[in-house]
Amino acid sequence: MKIAVAILDSDSDVIASHMRSTEEFAVFEVQAGQIQSKETRRLPHSAEGHDAFLRLLADCSAVLCGGMGSRVAESFSRYGIEPVVVVDVEQTPQQAVHGFLSGALRRGEIHGCCCQNHH
């Protein structure tokens, strides 16, 4: 299973506060409840709209972020990717993944769409 966490950038190891400002993701390969590896994925500079996220994260089971609008969350769900809002963005992406896997992650609510690109 792969779990993506939206991050500010690959140097900071900080969870992004909202999907609309995200360009990079830490993608964790998880087996038997343990993180096996981590890779960083970056949206192409020409990427626009929700489809770019879906193409980049198509092989992931879940995507974690500090916030996301309902339209991108619905897009992820339609493609079998669980959208998860992380309440505590001060934790590391690794801590968020461990919390997600154990069921201890504090989840926030998906909000109405606040983006300009709806596809």
N, C-alpha and C. Protein backbone atom coordinates (compact mmCIF):
# COMPACT_ATOMS: atom_id res chain seq x y z
N MET A 1 0.85 -1.17 0.00
CA MET A 1 0.00 0.00 0.00
C MET A 1 0.90 1.23 0.00
N LYS A 2 0.46 2.27 -0.72
CA LYS A 2 1.18 3.53 -0.72
C LYS A 2 0.28 4.62 -0.15
N ILE A 3 0.88 5.46 0.70
CA ILE A 3 0.18 6.56 1.32
C ILE A 3 0.93 7.84 0.98
N ALA A 4 0.23 8.83 0.43
CA ALA A 4 0.84 10.10 0.07
C ALA A 4 0.52 11.15 1.14
N VAL A 5 1.52 11.97 1.45
CA VAL A 5 1.34 13.08 2.37
C VAL A 5 1.75 14.35 1.65
N ALA A 6 0.85 15.32 1.56
CA ALA A 6 1.18 16.60 0.94
C ALA A 6 2.19 17.33 1.82
N ILE A 7 3.30 17.78 1.21
CA ILE A 7 4.34 18.45 1.98
C ILE A 7 4.63 19.82 1.36
N LEU A 8 5.19 20.72 2.18
CA LEU A 8 5.54 22.05 1.68
C LEU A 8 6.63 21.95 0.62
N ASP A 9 7.68 21.22 0.94
CA ASP A 9 8.75 20.94 -0.02
C ASP A 9 9.59 19.80 0.53
N SER A 10 10.39 19.21 -0.33
CA SER A 10 11.13 18.01 0.06
C SER A 10 12.22 18.28 1.10
N ASP A 11 12.59 19.53 1.29
CA ASP A 11 13.63 19.87 2.27
C ASP A 11 13.09 20.08 3.67
N SER A 12 11.80 20.42 3.80
CA SER A 12 11.29 20.84 5.10
C SER A 12 10.65 19.72 5.92
N ASP A 13 10.13 18.67 5.28
CA ASP A 13 9.47 17.57 5.99
C ASP A 13 8.28 18.09 6.82
N VAL A 14 7.54 19.06 6.25
CA VAL A 14 6.40 19.67 6.92
C VAL A 14 5.15 19.38 6.10
N ILE A 15 4.06 19.00 6.78
CA ILE A 15 2.80 18.73 6.10
C ILE A 15 2.20 20.04 5.61
N ALA A 16 1.77 20.06 4.35
CA ALA A 16 1.16 21.25 3.77
C ALA A 16 -0.17 21.55 4.46
N SER A 17 -0.46 22.83 4.63
CA SER A 17 -1.69 23.21 5.32
C SER A 17 -2.92 23.08 4.44
N HIS A 18 -2.74 23.08 3.10
CA HIS A 18 -3.89 22.93 2.22
C HIS A 18 -3.44 22.38 0.87
N MET A 19 -4.29 21.57 0.26
CA MET A 19 -3.99 20.93 -1.01
C MET A 19 -3.73 21.96 -2.13
N ARG A 20 -4.45 23.08 -2.12
CA ARG A 20 -4.32 24.05 -3.21
C ARG A 20 -2.92 24.64 -3.32
N SER A 21 -2.13 24.60 -2.24
CA SER A 21 -0.78 25.15 -2.27
C SER A 21 0.29 24.05 -2.36
N THR A 22 -0.13 22.85 -2.66
CA THR A 22 0.77 21.70 -2.66
C THR A 22 1.35 21.43 -4.04
N GLU A 23 2.66 21.24 -4.08
CA GLU A 23 3.32 20.82 -5.32
C GLU A 23 4.09 19.53 -5.13
N GLU A 24 4.36 19.16 -3.87
CA GLU A 24 5.13 17.96 -3.60
C GLU A 24 4.43 17.05 -2.61
N PHE A 25 4.70 15.76 -2.77
CA PHE A 25 4.14 14.74 -1.89
C PHE A 25 5.24 13.78 -1.46
N ALA A 26 5.22 13.42 -0.18
CA ALA A 26 6.04 12.32 0.31
C ALA A 26 5.16 11.08 0.18
N VAL A 27 5.62 10.09 -0.58
CA VAL A 27 4.85 8.88 -0.79
C VAL A 27 5.55 7.73 -0.07
N PHE A 28 4.82 7.13 0.85
CA PHE A 28 5.37 6.07 1.69
C PHE A 28 4.85 4.71 1.23
N GLU A 29 5.74 3.77 1.04
CA GLU A 29 5.37 2.38 0.77
C GLU A 29 5.24 1.70 2.12
N VAL A 30 4.07 1.11 2.38
CA VAL A 30 3.78 0.49 3.66
C VAL A 30 3.47 -0.98 3.46
N GLN A 31 4.09 -1.82 4.26
CA GLN A 31 3.80 -3.26 4.25
C GLN A 31 3.71 -3.74 5.69
N ALA A 32 2.70 -4.52 5.97
CA ALA A 32 2.47 -5.08 7.31
C ALA A 32 2.50 -3.99 8.39
N GLY A 33 1.91 -2.82 8.04
CA GLY A 33 1.81 -1.74 9.01
C GLY A 33 3.08 -0.97 9.26
N GLN A 34 4.13 -1.23 8.49
CA GLN A 34 5.41 -0.55 8.69
C GLN A 34 5.83 0.17 7.42
N ILE A 35 6.42 1.35 7.59
CA ILE A 35 6.95 2.10 6.44
C ILE A 35 8.20 1.40 5.93
N GLN A 36 8.18 1.06 4.65
CA GLN A 36 9.31 0.38 4.03
C GLN A 36 10.21 1.35 3.26
N SER A 37 9.61 2.36 2.64
CA SER A 37 10.39 3.31 1.87
C SER A 37 9.61 4.61 1.71
N LYS A 38 10.33 5.63 1.26
CA LYS A 38 9.73 6.95 1.04
C LYS A 38 10.31 7.53 -0.25
N GLU A 39 9.45 8.11 -1.06
CA GLU A 39 9.90 8.83 -2.25
C GLU A 39 9.18 10.17 -2.29
N THR A 40 9.77 11.14 -2.98
CA THR A 40 9.14 12.44 -3.15
C THR A 40 8.65 12.56 -4.58
N ARG A 41 7.42 12.99 -4.74
CA ARG A 41 6.84 13.22 -6.07
C ARG A 41 6.46 14.69 -6.18
N ARG A 42 6.72 15.26 -7.34
CA ARG A 42 6.44 16.68 -7.58
C ARG A 42 5.50 16.83 -8.77
N LEU A 43 4.50 17.71 -8.62
CA LEU A 43 3.62 18.01 -9.75
C LEU A 43 4.44 18.68 -10.85
N PRO A 44 4.17 18.37 -12.10
CA PRO A 44 4.84 19.07 -13.20
C PRO A 44 4.46 20.55 -13.17
N HIS A 45 5.36 21.42 -13.62
CA HIS A 45 5.09 22.86 -13.61
C HIS A 45 3.86 23.22 -14.42
N SER A 46 3.55 22.44 -15.44
CA SER A 46 2.40 22.73 -16.29
C SER A 46 1.09 22.14 -15.75
N ALA A 47 1.14 21.48 -14.61
CA ALA A 47 -0.04 20.80 -14.06
C ALA A 47 -1.09 21.81 -13.61
N GLU A 48 -2.34 21.50 -13.96
CA GLU A 48 -3.46 22.32 -13.52
C GLU A 48 -4.64 21.42 -13.16
N GLY A 49 -5.37 21.81 -12.14
CA GLY A 49 -6.59 21.12 -11.78
C GLY A 49 -6.38 19.83 -11.01
N HIS A 50 -7.49 19.23 -10.64
CA HIS A 50 -7.48 18.03 -9.82
C HIS A 50 -6.91 16.82 -10.55
N ASP A 51 -7.05 16.77 -11.86
CA ASP A 51 -6.55 15.62 -12.61
C ASP A 51 -5.05 15.43 -12.43
N ALA A 52 -4.32 16.52 -12.25
CA ALA A 52 -2.87 16.42 -12.04
C ALA A 52 -2.56 15.65 -10.76
N PHE A 53 -3.32 15.92 -9.70
CA PHE A 53 -3.14 15.17 -8.45
C PHE A 53 -3.43 13.69 -8.66
N LEU A 54 -4.52 13.42 -9.39
CA LEU A 54 -4.94 12.04 -9.61
C LEU A 54 -3.90 11.25 -10.41
N ARG A 55 -3.34 11.87 -11.43
CA ARG A 55 -2.30 11.20 -12.22
C ARG A 55 -1.06 10.92 -11.38
N LEU A 56 -0.67 11.89 -10.56
CA LEU A 56 0.54 11.76 -9.76
C LEU A 56 0.40 10.70 -8.66
N LEU A 57 -0.81 10.57 -8.12
CA LEU A 57 -1.03 9.71 -6.94
C LEU A 57 -1.93 8.52 -7.23
N ALA A 58 -2.07 8.14 -8.49
CA ALA A 58 -2.99 7.07 -8.89
C ALA A 58 -2.72 5.74 -8.19
N ASP A 59 -1.49 5.49 -7.80
CA ASP A 59 -1.16 4.21 -7.16
C ASP A 59 -1.22 4.26 -5.63
N CYS A 60 -1.75 5.35 -5.08
CA CYS A 60 -1.82 5.50 -3.62
C CYS A 60 -3.20 5.11 -3.10
N SER A 61 -3.23 4.64 -1.87
CA SER A 61 -4.49 4.27 -1.22
C SER A 61 -5.12 5.42 -0.46
N ALA A 62 -4.28 6.37 -0.03
CA ALA A 62 -4.76 7.51 0.74
C ALA A 62 -3.85 8.70 0.49
N VAL A 63 -4.42 9.89 0.67
CA VAL A 63 -3.63 11.13 0.61
C VAL A 63 -3.96 11.95 1.84
N LEU A 64 -2.93 12.37 2.57
CA LEU A 64 -3.08 13.13 3.80
C LEU A 64 -2.61 14.56 3.56
N CYS A 65 -3.37 15.53 4.09
CA CYS A 65 -3.03 16.94 3.91
C CYS A 65 -3.69 17.73 5.05
N GLY A 66 -3.17 18.93 5.31
CA GLY A 66 -3.73 19.77 6.36
C GLY A 66 -5.11 20.32 6.04
N GLY A 67 -5.49 20.32 4.77
CA GLY A 67 -6.81 20.78 4.37
C GLY A 67 -7.03 20.52 2.90
N MET A 68 -8.28 20.34 2.53
CA MET A 68 -8.62 20.17 1.11
C MET A 68 -10.09 20.47 0.91
N GLY A 69 -10.41 20.94 -0.30
CA GLY A 69 -11.78 21.22 -0.65
C GLY A 69 -12.55 19.96 -0.99
N SER A 70 -13.85 20.08 -1.01
CA SER A 70 -14.71 18.92 -1.24
C SER A 70 -14.55 18.36 -2.65
N ARG A 71 -14.31 19.20 -3.64
CA ARG A 71 -14.20 18.69 -5.02
C ARG A 71 -12.97 17.83 -5.22
N VAL A 72 -11.82 18.26 -4.72
CA VAL A 72 -10.63 17.41 -4.87
C VAL A 72 -10.79 16.15 -4.03
N ALA A 73 -11.41 16.26 -2.85
CA ALA A 73 -11.64 15.08 -2.01
C ALA A 73 -12.56 14.09 -2.73
N GLU A 74 -13.61 14.59 -3.38
CA GLU A 74 -14.51 13.72 -4.14
C GLU A 74 -13.79 13.07 -5.31
N SER A 75 -12.90 13.83 -5.97
CA SER A 75 -12.12 13.26 -7.07
C SER A 75 -11.25 12.11 -6.58
N PHE A 76 -10.56 12.32 -5.46
CA PHE A 76 -9.73 11.24 -4.91
C PHE A 76 -10.59 10.02 -4.59
N SER A 77 -11.72 10.24 -3.93
CA SER A 77 -12.60 9.13 -3.54
C SER A 77 -13.09 8.34 -4.74
N ARG A 78 -13.46 9.04 -5.82
CA ARG A 78 -13.93 8.36 -7.03
C ARG A 78 -12.87 7.42 -7.60
N TYR A 79 -11.61 7.74 -7.38
CA TYR A 79 -10.53 6.90 -7.91
C TYR A 79 -9.95 5.95 -6.86
N GLY A 80 -10.68 5.80 -5.75
CA GLY A 80 -10.28 4.83 -4.74
C GLY A 80 -9.15 5.30 -3.84
N ILE A 81 -8.91 6.60 -3.79
CA ILE A 81 -7.89 7.17 -2.92
C ILE A 81 -8.60 7.87 -1.77
N GLU A 82 -8.33 7.44 -0.54
CA GLU A 82 -9.01 8.02 0.62
C GLU A 82 -8.43 9.39 0.94
N PRO A 83 -9.26 10.45 0.91
CA PRO A 83 -8.77 11.78 1.28
C PRO A 83 -8.85 11.96 2.79
N VAL A 84 -7.74 12.42 3.39
CA VAL A 84 -7.68 12.57 4.84
C VAL A 84 -7.14 13.94 5.20
N VAL A 85 -7.90 14.69 5.99
CA VAL A 85 -7.43 15.98 6.50
C VAL A 85 -6.77 15.74 7.85
N VAL A 86 -5.52 16.18 7.95
CA VAL A 86 -4.73 16.01 9.17
C VAL A 86 -4.90 17.26 10.04
N VAL A 87 -5.36 17.09 11.27
CA VAL A 87 -5.57 18.22 12.18
C VAL A 87 -4.22 18.79 12.64
N ASP A 88 -3.31 17.93 13.04
CA ASP A 88 -2.02 18.36 13.59
C ASP A 88 -0.96 18.36 12.50
N VAL A 89 -0.82 19.49 11.79
CA VAL A 89 0.17 19.57 10.72
C VAL A 89 1.58 19.82 11.26
N GLU A 90 1.72 19.94 12.59
CA GLU A 90 3.03 20.11 13.20
C GLU A 90 3.80 18.79 13.28
N GLN A 91 3.10 17.67 13.17
CA GLN A 91 3.78 16.38 13.19
C GLN A 91 4.48 16.14 11.85
N THR A 92 5.41 15.22 11.83
CA THR A 92 6.10 14.90 10.58
C THR A 92 5.19 14.04 9.70
N PRO A 93 5.45 14.01 8.41
CA PRO A 93 4.69 13.11 7.56
C PRO A 93 4.74 11.66 8.04
N GLN A 94 5.90 11.22 8.51
CA GLN A 94 6.03 9.85 9.02
C GLN A 94 5.11 9.61 10.21
N GLN A 95 5.04 10.57 11.13
CA GLN A 95 4.15 10.45 12.28
C GLN A 95 2.69 10.39 11.84
N ALA A 96 2.34 11.20 10.84
CA ALA A 96 0.96 11.19 10.34
C ALA A 96 0.61 9.83 9.73
N VAL A 97 1.54 9.26 8.98
CA VAL A 97 1.30 7.93 8.38
C VAL A 97 1.13 6.89 9.47
N HIS A 98 1.99 6.91 10.49
CA HIS A 98 1.85 5.95 11.59
C HIS A 98 0.50 6.12 12.29
N GLY A 99 0.08 7.38 12.51
CA GLY A 99 -1.22 7.63 13.13
C GLY A 99 -2.37 7.15 12.26
N PHE A 100 -2.25 7.35 10.96
CA PHE A 100 -3.27 6.87 10.02
C PHE A 100 -3.38 5.35 10.08
N LEU A 101 -2.25 4.69 10.06
CA LEU A 101 -2.24 3.22 10.07
C LEU A 101 -2.79 2.64 11.37
N SER A 102 -2.50 3.32 12.50
CA SER A 102 -2.95 2.81 13.80
C SER A 102 -4.37 3.23 14.15
N GLY A 103 -4.91 4.19 13.38
CA GLY A 103 -6.25 4.71 13.68
C GLY A 103 -6.23 5.84 14.69
N ALA A 104 -5.06 6.29 15.11
CA ALA A 104 -4.95 7.33 16.12
C ALA A 104 -4.86 8.74 15.54
N LEU A 105 -4.79 8.87 14.22
CA LEU A 105 -4.65 10.18 13.58
C LEU A 105 -5.91 11.02 13.80
N ARG A 106 -5.73 12.24 14.31
CA ARG A 106 -6.86 13.16 14.46
C ARG A 106 -7.17 13.73 13.09
N ARG A 107 -8.41 13.51 12.65
CA ARG A 107 -8.84 13.93 11.32
C ARG A 107 -9.71 15.17 11.40
N GLY A 108 -9.53 16.04 10.41
CA GLY A 108 -10.36 17.23 10.28
C GLY A 108 -11.44 17.00 9.26
N GLU A 109 -12.18 18.05 8.97
CA GLU A 109 -13.28 17.97 8.02
C GLU A 109 -12.86 18.47 6.65
N ILE A 110 -13.47 17.87 5.63
CA ILE A 110 -13.32 18.33 4.26
C ILE A 110 -14.19 19.58 4.14
N HIS A 111 -13.68 20.64 3.50
CA HIS A 111 -14.43 21.89 3.38
C HIS A 111 -14.96 22.04 1.97
N GLY A 112 -15.90 22.98 1.81
CA GLY A 112 -16.42 23.31 0.48
C GLY A 112 -15.27 23.72 -0.44
N CYS A 113 -15.48 23.61 -1.71
CA CYS A 113 -14.42 23.89 -2.68
C CYS A 113 -13.97 25.34 -2.60
N CYS A 114 -12.66 25.52 -2.55
CA CYS A 114 -12.11 26.88 -2.49
C CYS A 114 -11.06 27.08 -3.56
N CYS A 115 -11.04 26.22 -4.55
CA CYS A 115 -10.05 26.34 -5.61
C CYS A 115 -10.68 26.97 -6.85
N GLN A 116 -9.83 27.37 -7.77
CA GLN A 116 -10.31 27.97 -9.00
C GLN A 116 -10.47 26.95 -10.12
N ASN A 117 -9.68 25.88 -10.07
CA ASN A 117 -9.73 24.85 -11.12
C ASN A 117 -10.55 23.68 -10.61
N HIS A 118 -11.60 23.36 -11.32
CA HIS A 118 -12.50 22.31 -10.84
C HIS A 118 -12.31 20.99 -11.54
N HIS A 119 -11.30 20.84 -12.41
CA HIS A 119 -11.10 19.57 -13.08
C HIS A 119 -9.65 19.20 -13.11
